[in-house]
mmCIF file of all heavy atoms, coordinates in Angstrom:
data_MODEL
# 
_entry.id   MODEL 
# 
loop_
_atom_site.group_PDB 
_atom_site.id 
_atom_site.type_symbol 
_atom_site.label_atom_id 
_atom_site.label_alt_id 
_atom_site.label_comp_id 
_atom_site.label_asym_id 
_atom_site.label_entity_id 
_atom_site.label_seq_id 
_atom_site.pdbx_PDB_ins_code 
_atom_site.Cartn_x 
_atom_site.Cartn_y 
_atom_site.Cartn_z 
_atom_site.occupancy 
_atom_site.B_iso_or_equiv 
_atom_site.pdbx_formal_charge 
_atom_site.auth_seq_id 
_atom_site.auth_comp_id 
_atom_site.auth_asym_id 
_atom_site.auth_atom_id 
_atom_site.pdbx_PDB_model_num 
ATOM 1   N N   . GLU A 1 1  ? 140.222 191.825 -160.338 1.00 0.00 ? 1  GLU A N   1 
ATOM 2   C CA  . GLU A 1 1  ? 141.408 191.008 -160.573 1.00 0.00 ? 1  GLU A CA  1 
ATOM 3   C C   . GLU A 1 1  ? 141.763 190.317 -159.263 1.00 0.00 ? 1  GLU A C   1 
ATOM 4   O O   . GLU A 1 1  ? 142.004 190.975 -158.242 1.00 0.00 ? 1  GLU A O   1 
ATOM 5   C CB  . GLU A 1 1  ? 142.584 191.858 -161.057 1.00 0.00 ? 1  GLU A CB  1 
ATOM 6   C CG  . GLU A 1 1  ? 143.799 191.004 -161.441 1.00 0.00 ? 1  GLU A CG  1 
ATOM 7   C CD  . GLU A 1 1  ? 144.935 191.856 -161.986 1.00 0.00 ? 1  GLU A CD  1 
ATOM 8   O OE1 . GLU A 1 1  ? 145.055 193.028 -161.566 1.00 0.00 ? 1  GLU A OE1 1 
ATOM 9   O OE2 . GLU A 1 1  ? 145.699 191.353 -162.822 1.00 0.00 ? 1  GLU A OE2 1 
ATOM 10  N N   . GLN A 1 2  ? 141.734 188.975 -159.304 1.00 0.00 ? 2  GLN A N   1 
ATOM 11  C CA  . GLN A 1 2  ? 142.036 188.158 -158.130 1.00 0.00 ? 2  GLN A CA  1 
ATOM 12  C C   . GLN A 1 2  ? 141.213 188.581 -156.909 1.00 0.00 ? 2  GLN A C   1 
ATOM 13  O O   . GLN A 1 2  ? 141.727 188.689 -155.788 1.00 0.00 ? 2  GLN A O   1 
ATOM 14  C CB  . GLN A 1 2  ? 143.537 188.213 -157.819 1.00 0.00 ? 2  GLN A CB  1 
ATOM 15  C CG  . GLN A 1 2  ? 144.376 187.613 -158.921 1.00 0.00 ? 2  GLN A CG  1 
ATOM 16  C CD  . GLN A 1 2  ? 145.865 187.618 -158.605 1.00 0.00 ? 2  GLN A CD  1 
ATOM 17  O OE1 . GLN A 1 2  ? 146.304 188.212 -157.609 1.00 0.00 ? 2  GLN A OE1 1 
ATOM 18  N NE2 . GLN A 1 2  ? 146.654 186.952 -159.429 1.00 0.00 ? 2  GLN A NE2 1 
ATOM 19  N N   . GLY A 1 3  ? 139.940 188.820 -157.140 1.00 0.00 ? 3  GLY A N   1 
ATOM 20  C CA  . GLY A 1 3  ? 139.030 189.101 -156.053 1.00 0.00 ? 3  GLY A CA  1 
ATOM 21  C C   . GLY A 1 3  ? 139.047 190.516 -155.531 1.00 0.00 ? 3  GLY A C   1 
ATOM 22  O O   . GLY A 1 3  ? 138.352 190.835 -154.554 1.00 0.00 ? 3  GLY A O   1 
ATOM 23  N N   . ARG A 1 4  ? 139.778 191.403 -156.145 1.00 0.00 ? 4  ARG A N   1 
ATOM 24  C CA  . ARG A 1 4  ? 139.849 192.798 -155.703 1.00 0.00 ? 4  ARG A CA  1 
ATOM 25  C C   . ARG A 1 4  ? 139.486 193.732 -156.855 1.00 0.00 ? 4  ARG A C   1 
ATOM 26  O O   . ARG A 1 4  ? 139.584 193.350 -158.023 1.00 0.00 ? 4  ARG A O   1 
ATOM 27  C CB  . ARG A 1 4  ? 141.256 193.137 -155.189 1.00 0.00 ? 4  ARG A CB  1 
ATOM 28  C CG  . ARG A 1 4  ? 141.652 192.342 -153.946 1.00 0.00 ? 4  ARG A CG  1 
ATOM 29  C CD  . ARG A 1 4  ? 143.091 192.693 -153.519 1.00 0.00 ? 4  ARG A CD  1 
ATOM 30  N NE  . ARG A 1 4  ? 143.498 191.972 -152.334 1.00 0.00 ? 4  ARG A NE  1 
ATOM 31  C CZ  . ARG A 1 4  ? 143.262 192.389 -151.083 1.00 0.00 ? 4  ARG A CZ  1 
ATOM 32  N NH1 . ARG A 1 4  ? 142.636 193.551 -150.893 1.00 0.00 ? 4  ARG A NH1 1 
ATOM 33  N NH2 . ARG A 1 4  ? 143.649 191.681 -150.040 1.00 0.00 ? 4  ARG A NH2 1 
ATOM 34  N N   . ILE A 1 5  ? 139.091 194.948 -156.515 1.00 0.00 ? 5  ILE A N   1 
ATOM 35  C CA  . ILE A 1 5  ? 138.796 195.943 -157.538 1.00 0.00 ? 5  ILE A CA  1 
ATOM 36  C C   . ILE A 1 5  ? 140.114 196.538 -158.021 1.00 0.00 ? 5  ILE A C   1 
ATOM 37  O O   . ILE A 1 5  ? 140.853 197.172 -157.252 1.00 0.00 ? 5  ILE A O   1 
ATOM 38  C CB  . ILE A 1 5  ? 137.875 197.047 -156.992 1.00 0.00 ? 5  ILE A CB  1 
ATOM 39  C CG1 . ILE A 1 5  ? 136.533 196.444 -156.574 1.00 0.00 ? 5  ILE A CG1 1 
ATOM 40  C CG2 . ILE A 1 5  ? 137.668 198.136 -158.040 1.00 0.00 ? 5  ILE A CG2 1 
ATOM 41  C CD1 . ILE A 1 5  ? 135.598 197.442 -155.942 1.00 0.00 ? 5  ILE A CD1 1 
ATOM 42  N N   . ALA A 1 6  ? 140.406 196.305 -159.299 1.00 0.00 ? 6  ALA A N   1 
ATOM 43  C CA  . ALA A 1 6  ? 141.660 196.810 -159.867 1.00 0.00 ? 6  ALA A CA  1 
ATOM 44  C C   . ALA A 1 6  ? 141.459 198.185 -160.503 1.00 0.00 ? 6  ALA A C   1 
ATOM 45  O O   . ALA A 1 6  ? 142.344 199.050 -160.423 1.00 0.00 ? 6  ALA A O   1 
ATOM 46  C CB  . ALA A 1 6  ? 142.199 195.826 -160.904 1.00 0.00 ? 6  ALA A CB  1 
ATOM 47  N N   . GLU A 1 7  ? 140.306 198.408 -161.137 1.00 0.00 ? 7  GLU A N   1 
ATOM 48  C CA  . GLU A 1 7  ? 140.024 199.679 -161.808 1.00 0.00 ? 7  GLU A CA  1 
ATOM 49  C C   . GLU A 1 7  ? 138.540 199.987 -161.704 1.00 0.00 ? 7  GLU A C   1 
ATOM 50  O O   . GLU A 1 7  ? 137.724 199.084 -161.549 1.00 0.00 ? 7  GLU A O   1 
ATOM 51  C CB  . GLU A 1 7  ? 140.428 199.608 -163.291 1.00 0.00 ? 7  GLU A CB  1 
ATOM 52  C CG  . GLU A 1 7  ? 141.910 199.401 -163.534 1.00 0.00 ? 7  GLU A CG  1 
ATOM 53  C CD  . GLU A 1 7  ? 142.238 199.239 -165.011 1.00 0.00 ? 7  GLU A CD  1 
ATOM 54  O OE1 . GLU A 1 7  ? 141.309 199.305 -165.846 1.00 0.00 ? 7  GLU A OE1 1 
ATOM 55  O OE2 . GLU A 1 7  ? 143.417 199.039 -165.317 1.00 0.00 ? 7  GLU A OE2 1 
ATOM 56  N N   . GLU A 1 8  ? 138.202 201.269 -161.844 1.00 0.00 ? 8  GLU A N   1 
ATOM 57  C CA  . GLU A 1 8  ? 136.806 201.680 -161.788 1.00 0.00 ? 8  GLU A CA  1 
ATOM 58  C C   . GLU A 1 8  ? 136.635 202.980 -162.561 1.00 0.00 ? 8  GLU A C   1 
ATOM 59  O O   . GLU A 1 8  ? 137.476 203.873 -162.484 1.00 0.00 ? 8  GLU A O   1 
ATOM 60  C CB  . GLU A 1 8  ? 136.369 201.879 -160.334 1.00 0.00 ? 8  GLU A CB  1 
ATOM 61  C CG  . GLU A 1 8  ? 134.909 202.245 -160.162 1.00 0.00 ? 8  GLU A CG  1 
ATOM 62  C CD  . GLU A 1 8  ? 134.501 202.305 -158.701 1.00 0.00 ? 8  GLU A CD  1 
ATOM 63  O OE1 . GLU A 1 8  ? 135.331 201.946 -157.821 1.00 0.00 ? 8  GLU A OE1 1 
ATOM 64  O OE2 . GLU A 1 8  ? 133.353 202.707 -158.437 1.00 0.00 ? 8  GLU A OE2 1 
ATOM 65  N N   . GLY A 1 9  ? 135.556 203.072 -163.334 1.00 0.00 ? 9  GLY A N   1 
ATOM 66  C CA  . GLY A 1 9  ? 135.291 204.291 -164.090 1.00 0.00 ? 9  GLY A CA  1 
ATOM 67  C C   . GLY A 1 9  ? 134.367 204.016 -165.245 1.00 0.00 ? 9  GLY A C   1 
ATOM 68  O O   . GLY A 1 9  ? 133.866 202.899 -165.425 1.00 0.00 ? 9  GLY A O   1 
ATOM 69  N N   . THR A 1 10 ? 134.135 205.038 -166.094 1.00 0.00 ? 10 THR A N   1 
ATOM 70  C CA  . THR A 1 10 ? 133.338 204.834 -167.296 1.00 0.00 ? 10 THR A CA  1 
ATOM 71  C C   . THR A 1 10 ? 134.211 204.184 -168.360 1.00 0.00 ? 10 THR A C   1 
ATOM 72  O O   . THR A 1 10 ? 135.432 204.074 -168.216 1.00 0.00 ? 10 THR A O   1 
ATOM 73  C CB  . THR A 1 10 ? 132.799 206.160 -167.829 1.00 0.00 ? 10 THR A CB  1 
ATOM 74  O OG1 . THR A 1 10 ? 133.913 206.957 -168.259 1.00 0.00 ? 10 THR A OG1 1 
ATOM 75  C CG2 . THR A 1 10 ? 132.006 206.904 -166.762 1.00 0.00 ? 10 THR A CG2 1 
ATOM 76  N N   . HIS A 1 11 ? 133.553 203.755 -169.424 1.00 0.00 ? 11 HIS A N   1 
ATOM 77  C CA  . HIS A 1 11 ? 134.282 203.133 -170.533 1.00 0.00 ? 11 HIS A CA  1 
ATOM 78  C C   . HIS A 1 11 ? 135.382 204.082 -171.040 1.00 0.00 ? 11 HIS A C   1 
ATOM 79  O O   . HIS A 1 11 ? 136.541 203.667 -171.198 1.00 0.00 ? 11 HIS A O   1 
ATOM 80  C CB  . HIS A 1 11 ? 133.300 202.800 -171.647 1.00 0.00 ? 11 HIS A CB  1 
ATOM 81  C CG  . HIS A 1 11 ? 133.936 202.327 -172.919 1.00 0.00 ? 11 HIS A CG  1 
ATOM 82  N ND1 . HIS A 1 11 ? 134.604 201.135 -173.023 1.00 0.00 ? 11 HIS A ND1 1 
ATOM 83  C CD2 . HIS A 1 11 ? 134.001 202.917 -174.152 1.00 0.00 ? 11 HIS A CD2 1 
ATOM 84  C CE1 . HIS A 1 11 ? 135.051 200.995 -174.260 1.00 0.00 ? 11 HIS A CE1 1 
ATOM 85  N NE2 . HIS A 1 11 ? 134.690 202.065 -174.967 1.00 0.00 ? 11 HIS A NE2 1 
ATOM 86  N N   . ARG A 1 12 ? 135.029 205.323 -171.255 1.00 0.00 ? 12 ARG A N   1 
ATOM 87  C CA  . ARG A 1 12 ? 136.011 206.283 -171.779 1.00 0.00 ? 12 ARG A CA  1 
ATOM 88  C C   . ARG A 1 12 ? 137.130 206.520 -170.773 1.00 0.00 ? 12 ARG A C   1 
ATOM 89  O O   . ARG A 1 12 ? 138.311 206.598 -171.140 1.00 0.00 ? 12 ARG A O   1 
ATOM 90  C CB  . ARG A 1 12 ? 135.316 207.600 -172.121 1.00 0.00 ? 12 ARG A CB  1 
ATOM 91  C CG  . ARG A 1 12 ? 134.388 207.520 -173.329 1.00 0.00 ? 12 ARG A CG  1 
ATOM 92  C CD  . ARG A 1 12 ? 133.781 208.885 -173.656 1.00 0.00 ? 12 ARG A CD  1 
ATOM 93  N NE  . ARG A 1 12 ? 132.930 208.816 -174.835 1.00 0.00 ? 12 ARG A NE  1 
ATOM 94  C CZ  . ARG A 1 12 ? 133.383 208.893 -176.083 1.00 0.00 ? 12 ARG A CZ  1 
ATOM 95  N NH1 . ARG A 1 12 ? 134.686 209.059 -176.308 1.00 0.00 ? 12 ARG A NH1 1 
ATOM 96  N NH2 . ARG A 1 12 ? 132.540 208.823 -177.100 1.00 0.00 ? 12 ARG A NH2 1 
ATOM 97  N N   . GLU A 1 13 ? 136.781 206.665 -169.502 1.00 0.00 ? 13 GLU A N   1 
ATOM 98  C CA  . GLU A 1 13 ? 137.797 206.917 -168.474 1.00 0.00 ? 13 GLU A CA  1 
ATOM 99  C C   . GLU A 1 13 ? 138.774 205.751 -168.370 1.00 0.00 ? 13 GLU A C   1 
ATOM 100 O O   . GLU A 1 13 ? 139.991 205.951 -168.238 1.00 0.00 ? 13 GLU A O   1 
ATOM 101 C CB  . GLU A 1 13 ? 137.126 207.143 -167.125 1.00 0.00 ? 13 GLU A CB  1 
ATOM 102 C CG  . GLU A 1 13 ? 136.378 208.472 -167.028 1.00 0.00 ? 13 GLU A CG  1 
ATOM 103 C CD  . GLU A 1 13 ? 135.517 208.570 -165.790 1.00 0.00 ? 13 GLU A CD  1 
ATOM 104 O OE1 . GLU A 1 13 ? 135.307 207.524 -165.122 1.00 0.00 ? 13 GLU A OE1 1 
ATOM 105 O OE2 . GLU A 1 13 ? 135.040 209.683 -165.493 1.00 0.00 ? 13 GLU A OE2 1 
ATOM 106 N N   . LEU A 1 14 ? 138.266 204.542 -168.453 1.00 0.00 ? 14 LEU A N   1 
ATOM 107 C CA  . LEU A 1 14 ? 139.141 203.374 -168.329 1.00 0.00 ? 14 LEU A CA  1 
ATOM 108 C C   . LEU A 1 14 ? 140.033 203.211 -169.551 1.00 0.00 ? 14 LEU A C   1 
ATOM 109 O O   . LEU A 1 14 ? 141.188 202.790 -169.436 1.00 0.00 ? 14 LEU A O   1 
ATOM 110 C CB  . LEU A 1 14 ? 138.293 202.115 -168.112 1.00 0.00 ? 14 LEU A CB  1 
ATOM 111 C CG  . LEU A 1 14 ? 137.574 202.049 -166.762 1.00 0.00 ? 14 LEU A CG  1 
ATOM 112 C CD1 . LEU A 1 14 ? 136.663 200.818 -166.705 1.00 0.00 ? 14 LEU A CD1 1 
ATOM 113 C CD2 . LEU A 1 14 ? 138.568 202.015 -165.608 1.00 0.00 ? 14 LEU A CD2 1 
ATOM 114 N N   . LEU A 1 15 ? 139.504 203.549 -170.725 1.00 0.00 ? 15 LEU A N   1 
ATOM 115 C CA  . LEU A 1 15 ? 140.373 203.510 -171.915 1.00 0.00 ? 15 LEU A CA  1 
ATOM 116 C C   . LEU A 1 15 ? 141.467 204.553 -171.804 1.00 0.00 ? 15 LEU A C   1 
ATOM 117 O O   . LEU A 1 15 ? 142.637 204.291 -172.146 1.00 0.00 ? 15 LEU A O   1 
ATOM 118 C CB  . LEU A 1 15 ? 139.533 203.750 -173.178 1.00 0.00 ? 15 LEU A CB  1 
ATOM 119 C CG  . LEU A 1 15 ? 138.597 202.622 -173.627 1.00 0.00 ? 15 LEU A CG  1 
ATOM 120 C CD1 . LEU A 1 15 ? 137.883 203.012 -174.914 1.00 0.00 ? 15 LEU A CD1 1 
ATOM 121 C CD2 . LEU A 1 15 ? 139.379 201.324 -173.828 1.00 0.00 ? 15 LEU A CD2 1 
ATOM 122 N N   . ALA A 1 16 ? 141.098 205.732 -171.296 1.00 0.00 ? 16 ALA A N   1 
ATOM 123 C CA  . ALA A 1 16 ? 142.091 206.804 -171.160 1.00 0.00 ? 16 ALA A CA  1 
ATOM 124 C C   . ALA A 1 16 ? 143.154 206.447 -170.131 1.00 0.00 ? 16 ALA A C   1 
ATOM 125 O O   . ALA A 1 16 ? 144.322 206.854 -170.254 1.00 0.00 ? 16 ALA A O   1 
ATOM 126 C CB  . ALA A 1 16 ? 141.398 208.101 -170.770 1.00 0.00 ? 16 ALA A CB  1 
ATOM 127 N N   . ALA A 1 17 ? 142.768 205.661 -169.100 1.00 0.00 ? 17 ALA A N   1 
ATOM 128 C CA  . ALA A 1 17 ? 143.732 205.277 -168.057 1.00 0.00 ? 17 ALA A CA  1 
ATOM 129 C C   . ALA A 1 17 ? 144.756 204.284 -168.582 1.00 0.00 ? 17 ALA A C   1 
ATOM 130 O O   . ALA A 1 17 ? 145.822 204.100 -167.976 1.00 0.00 ? 17 ALA A O   1 
ATOM 131 C CB  . ALA A 1 17 ? 142.990 204.694 -166.869 1.00 0.00 ? 17 ALA A CB  1 
ATOM 132 N N   . ASP A 1 18 ? 144.436 203.642 -169.701 1.00 0.00 ? 18 ASP A N   1 
ATOM 133 C CA  . ASP A 1 18 ? 145.361 202.702 -170.354 1.00 0.00 ? 18 ASP A CA  1 
ATOM 134 C C   . ASP A 1 18 ? 145.854 201.607 -169.398 1.00 0.00 ? 18 ASP A C   1 
ATOM 135 O O   . ASP A 1 18 ? 147.034 201.286 -169.355 1.00 0.00 ? 18 ASP A O   1 
ATOM 136 C CB  . ASP A 1 18 ? 146.553 203.457 -170.943 1.00 0.00 ? 18 ASP A CB  1 
ATOM 137 C CG  . ASP A 1 18 ? 147.275 202.613 -172.002 1.00 0.00 ? 18 ASP A CG  1 
ATOM 138 O OD1 . ASP A 1 18 ? 146.623 201.727 -172.604 1.00 0.00 ? 18 ASP A OD1 1 
ATOM 139 O OD2 . ASP A 1 18 ? 148.489 202.823 -172.193 1.00 0.00 ? 18 ASP A OD2 1 
ATOM 140 N N   . GLY A 1 19 ? 144.922 201.072 -168.643 1.00 0.00 ? 19 GLY A N   1 
ATOM 141 C CA  . GLY A 1 19 ? 145.277 200.005 -167.701 1.00 0.00 ? 19 GLY A CA  1 
ATOM 142 C C   . GLY A 1 19 ? 144.790 198.661 -168.186 1.00 0.00 ? 19 GLY A C   1 
ATOM 143 O O   . GLY A 1 19 ? 144.790 198.350 -169.384 1.00 0.00 ? 19 GLY A O   1 
ATOM 144 N N   . LEU A 1 20 ? 144.320 197.866 -167.227 1.00 0.00 ? 20 LEU A N   1 
ATOM 145 C CA  . LEU A 1 20 ? 143.906 196.497 -167.524 1.00 0.00 ? 20 LEU A CA  1 
ATOM 146 C C   . LEU A 1 20 ? 142.700 196.468 -168.471 1.00 0.00 ? 20 LEU A C   1 
ATOM 147 O O   . LEU A 1 20 ? 142.676 195.700 -169.435 1.00 0.00 ? 20 LEU A O   1 
ATOM 148 C CB  . LEU A 1 20 ? 143.552 195.785 -166.201 1.00 0.00 ? 20 LEU A CB  1 
ATOM 149 C CG  . LEU A 1 20 ? 143.402 194.266 -166.262 1.00 0.00 ? 20 LEU A CG  1 
ATOM 150 C CD1 . LEU A 1 20 ? 144.688 193.600 -166.742 1.00 0.00 ? 20 LEU A CD1 1 
ATOM 151 C CD2 . LEU A 1 20 ? 143.028 193.734 -164.868 1.00 0.00 ? 20 LEU A CD2 1 
ATOM 152 N N   . TYR A 1 21 ? 141.707 197.333 -168.220 1.00 0.00 ? 21 TYR A N   1 
ATOM 153 C CA  . TYR A 1 21 ? 140.524 197.358 -169.074 1.00 0.00 ? 21 TYR A CA  1 
ATOM 154 C C   . TYR A 1 21 ? 140.912 197.743 -170.507 1.00 0.00 ? 21 TYR A C   1 
ATOM 155 O O   . TYR A 1 21 ? 140.423 197.160 -171.474 1.00 0.00 ? 21 TYR A O   1 
ATOM 156 C CB  . TYR A 1 21 ? 139.498 198.349 -168.524 1.00 0.00 ? 21 TYR A CB  1 
ATOM 157 C CG  . TYR A 1 21 ? 138.249 198.452 -169.352 1.00 0.00 ? 21 TYR A CG  1 
ATOM 158 C CD1 . TYR A 1 21 ? 137.205 197.553 -169.198 1.00 0.00 ? 21 TYR A CD1 1 
ATOM 159 C CD2 . TYR A 1 21 ? 138.098 199.467 -170.311 1.00 0.00 ? 21 TYR A CD2 1 
ATOM 160 C CE1 . TYR A 1 21 ? 136.048 197.645 -169.953 1.00 0.00 ? 21 TYR A CE1 1 
ATOM 161 C CE2 . TYR A 1 21 ? 136.938 199.556 -171.077 1.00 0.00 ? 21 TYR A CE2 1 
ATOM 162 C CZ  . TYR A 1 21 ? 135.917 198.647 -170.889 1.00 0.00 ? 21 TYR A CZ  1 
ATOM 163 O OH  . TYR A 1 21 ? 134.770 198.745 -171.654 1.00 0.00 ? 21 TYR A OH  1 
ATOM 164 N N   . ALA A 1 22 ? 141.781 198.719 -170.631 1.00 0.00 ? 22 ALA A N   1 
ATOM 165 C CA  . ALA A 1 22 ? 142.204 199.151 -171.969 1.00 0.00 ? 22 ALA A CA  1 
ATOM 166 C C   . ALA A 1 22 ? 142.912 198.020 -172.704 1.00 0.00 ? 22 ALA A C   1 
ATOM 167 O O   . ALA A 1 22 ? 142.754 197.858 -173.925 1.00 0.00 ? 22 ALA A O   1 
ATOM 168 C CB  . ALA A 1 22 ? 143.114 200.372 -171.857 1.00 0.00 ? 22 ALA A CB  1 
ATOM 169 N N   . SER A 1 23 ? 143.693 197.226 -171.967 1.00 0.00 ? 23 SER A N   1 
ATOM 170 C CA  . SER A 1 23 ? 144.374 196.106 -172.622 1.00 0.00 ? 23 SER A CA  1 
ATOM 171 C C   . SER A 1 23 ? 143.373 195.062 -173.074 1.00 0.00 ? 23 SER A C   1 
ATOM 172 O O   . SER A 1 23 ? 143.521 194.470 -174.142 1.00 0.00 ? 23 SER A O   1 
ATOM 173 C CB  . SER A 1 23 ? 145.401 195.482 -171.665 1.00 0.00 ? 23 SER A CB  1 
ATOM 174 O OG  . SER A 1 23 ? 144.754 194.842 -170.577 1.00 0.00 ? 23 SER A OG  1 
ATOM 175 N N   . TYR A 1 24 ? 142.308 194.831 -172.260 1.00 0.00 ? 24 TYR A N   1 
ATOM 176 C CA  . TYR A 1 24 ? 141.257 193.919 -172.689 1.00 0.00 ? 24 TYR A CA  1 
ATOM 177 C C   . TYR A 1 24 ? 140.584 194.430 -173.969 1.00 0.00 ? 24 TYR A C   1 
ATOM 178 O O   . TYR A 1 24 ? 140.310 193.681 -174.901 1.00 0.00 ? 24 TYR A O   1 
ATOM 179 C CB  . TYR A 1 24 ? 140.181 193.785 -171.598 1.00 0.00 ? 24 TYR A CB  1 
ATOM 180 C CG  . TYR A 1 24 ? 140.618 193.078 -170.330 1.00 0.00 ? 24 TYR A CG  1 
ATOM 181 C CD1 . TYR A 1 24 ? 139.923 193.284 -169.138 1.00 0.00 ? 24 TYR A CD1 1 
ATOM 182 C CD2 . TYR A 1 24 ? 141.699 192.198 -170.307 1.00 0.00 ? 24 TYR A CD2 1 
ATOM 183 C CE1 . TYR A 1 24 ? 140.288 192.645 -167.973 1.00 0.00 ? 24 TYR A CE1 1 
ATOM 184 C CE2 . TYR A 1 24 ? 142.080 191.567 -169.155 1.00 0.00 ? 24 TYR A CE2 1 
ATOM 185 C CZ  . TYR A 1 24 ? 141.369 191.782 -167.981 1.00 0.00 ? 24 TYR A CZ  1 
ATOM 186 O OH  . TYR A 1 24 ? 141.730 191.148 -166.836 1.00 0.00 ? 24 TYR A OH  1 
ATOM 187 N N   . TRP A 1 25 ? 140.323 195.725 -173.976 1.00 0.00 ? 25 TRP A N   1 
ATOM 188 C CA  . TRP A 1 25 ? 139.625 196.329 -175.119 1.00 0.00 ? 25 TRP A CA  1 
ATOM 189 C C   . TRP A 1 25 ? 140.441 196.198 -176.391 1.00 0.00 ? 25 TRP A C   1 
ATOM 190 O O   . TRP A 1 25 ? 139.910 195.888 -177.456 1.00 0.00 ? 25 TRP A O   1 
ATOM 191 C CB  . TRP A 1 25 ? 139.323 197.791 -174.802 1.00 0.00 ? 25 TRP A CB  1 
ATOM 192 C CG  . TRP A 1 25 ? 138.524 198.485 -175.882 1.00 0.00 ? 25 TRP A CG  1 
ATOM 193 C CD1 . TRP A 1 25 ? 139.023 199.310 -176.846 1.00 0.00 ? 25 TRP A CD1 1 
ATOM 194 C CD2 . TRP A 1 25 ? 137.132 198.389 -176.106 1.00 0.00 ? 25 TRP A CD2 1 
ATOM 195 N NE1 . TRP A 1 25 ? 138.012 199.755 -177.661 1.00 0.00 ? 25 TRP A NE1 1 
ATOM 196 C CE2 . TRP A 1 25 ? 136.819 199.194 -177.220 1.00 0.00 ? 25 TRP A CE2 1 
ATOM 197 C CE3 . TRP A 1 25 ? 136.101 197.708 -175.470 1.00 0.00 ? 25 TRP A CE3 1 
ATOM 198 C CZ2 . TRP A 1 25 ? 135.531 199.324 -177.706 1.00 0.00 ? 25 TRP A CZ2 1 
ATOM 199 C CZ3 . TRP A 1 25 ? 134.812 197.847 -175.961 1.00 0.00 ? 25 TRP A CZ3 1 
ATOM 200 C CH2 . TRP A 1 25 ? 134.539 198.653 -177.077 1.00 0.00 ? 25 TRP A CH2 1 
ATOM 201 N N   . ARG A 1 26 ? 141.743 196.473 -176.280 1.00 0.00 ? 26 ARG A N   1 
ATOM 202 C CA  . ARG A 1 26 ? 142.601 196.403 -177.470 1.00 0.00 ? 26 ARG A CA  1 
ATOM 203 C C   . ARG A 1 26 ? 142.728 194.977 -177.988 1.00 0.00 ? 26 ARG A C   1 
ATOM 204 O O   . ARG A 1 26 ? 142.851 194.756 -179.196 1.00 0.00 ? 26 ARG A O   1 
ATOM 205 C CB  . ARG A 1 26 ? 143.985 196.942 -177.129 1.00 0.00 ? 26 ARG A CB  1 
ATOM 206 C CG  . ARG A 1 26 ? 144.056 198.456 -176.991 1.00 0.00 ? 26 ARG A CG  1 
ATOM 207 C CD  . ARG A 1 26 ? 145.508 198.932 -176.988 1.00 0.00 ? 26 ARG A CD  1 
ATOM 208 N NE  . ARG A 1 26 ? 146.260 198.373 -175.875 1.00 0.00 ? 26 ARG A NE  1 
ATOM 209 C CZ  . ARG A 1 26 ? 146.377 198.958 -174.677 1.00 0.00 ? 26 ARG A CZ  1 
ATOM 210 N NH1 . ARG A 1 26 ? 145.763 200.121 -174.453 1.00 0.00 ? 26 ARG A NH1 1 
ATOM 211 N NH2 . ARG A 1 26 ? 147.075 198.400 -173.724 1.00 0.00 ? 26 ARG A NH2 1 
ATOM 212 N N   . LEU A 1 27 ? 142.729 194.012 -177.076 1.00 0.00 ? 27 LEU A N   1 
ATOM 213 C CA  . LEU A 1 27 ? 143.021 192.637 -177.467 1.00 0.00 ? 27 LEU A CA  1 
ATOM 214 C C   . LEU A 1 27 ? 141.770 191.793 -177.722 1.00 0.00 ? 27 LEU A C   1 
ATOM 215 O O   . LEU A 1 27 ? 141.889 190.614 -178.019 1.00 0.00 ? 27 LEU A O   1 
ATOM 216 C CB  . LEU A 1 27 ? 143.869 191.954 -176.383 1.00 0.00 ? 27 LEU A CB  1 
ATOM 217 C CG  . LEU A 1 27 ? 145.284 192.533 -176.232 1.00 0.00 ? 27 LEU A CG  1 
ATOM 218 C CD1 . LEU A 1 27 ? 145.934 192.005 -174.979 1.00 0.00 ? 27 LEU A CD1 1 
ATOM 219 C CD2 . LEU A 1 27 ? 146.123 192.180 -177.456 1.00 0.00 ? 27 LEU A CD2 1 
# 
């Protein structure tokens, strides 16, 4: 995000973190 690492992990870990990746996945 904007040239920086915002999140890192496996698919399951990122969904569980409910952050930016999870919002992409839901939408």
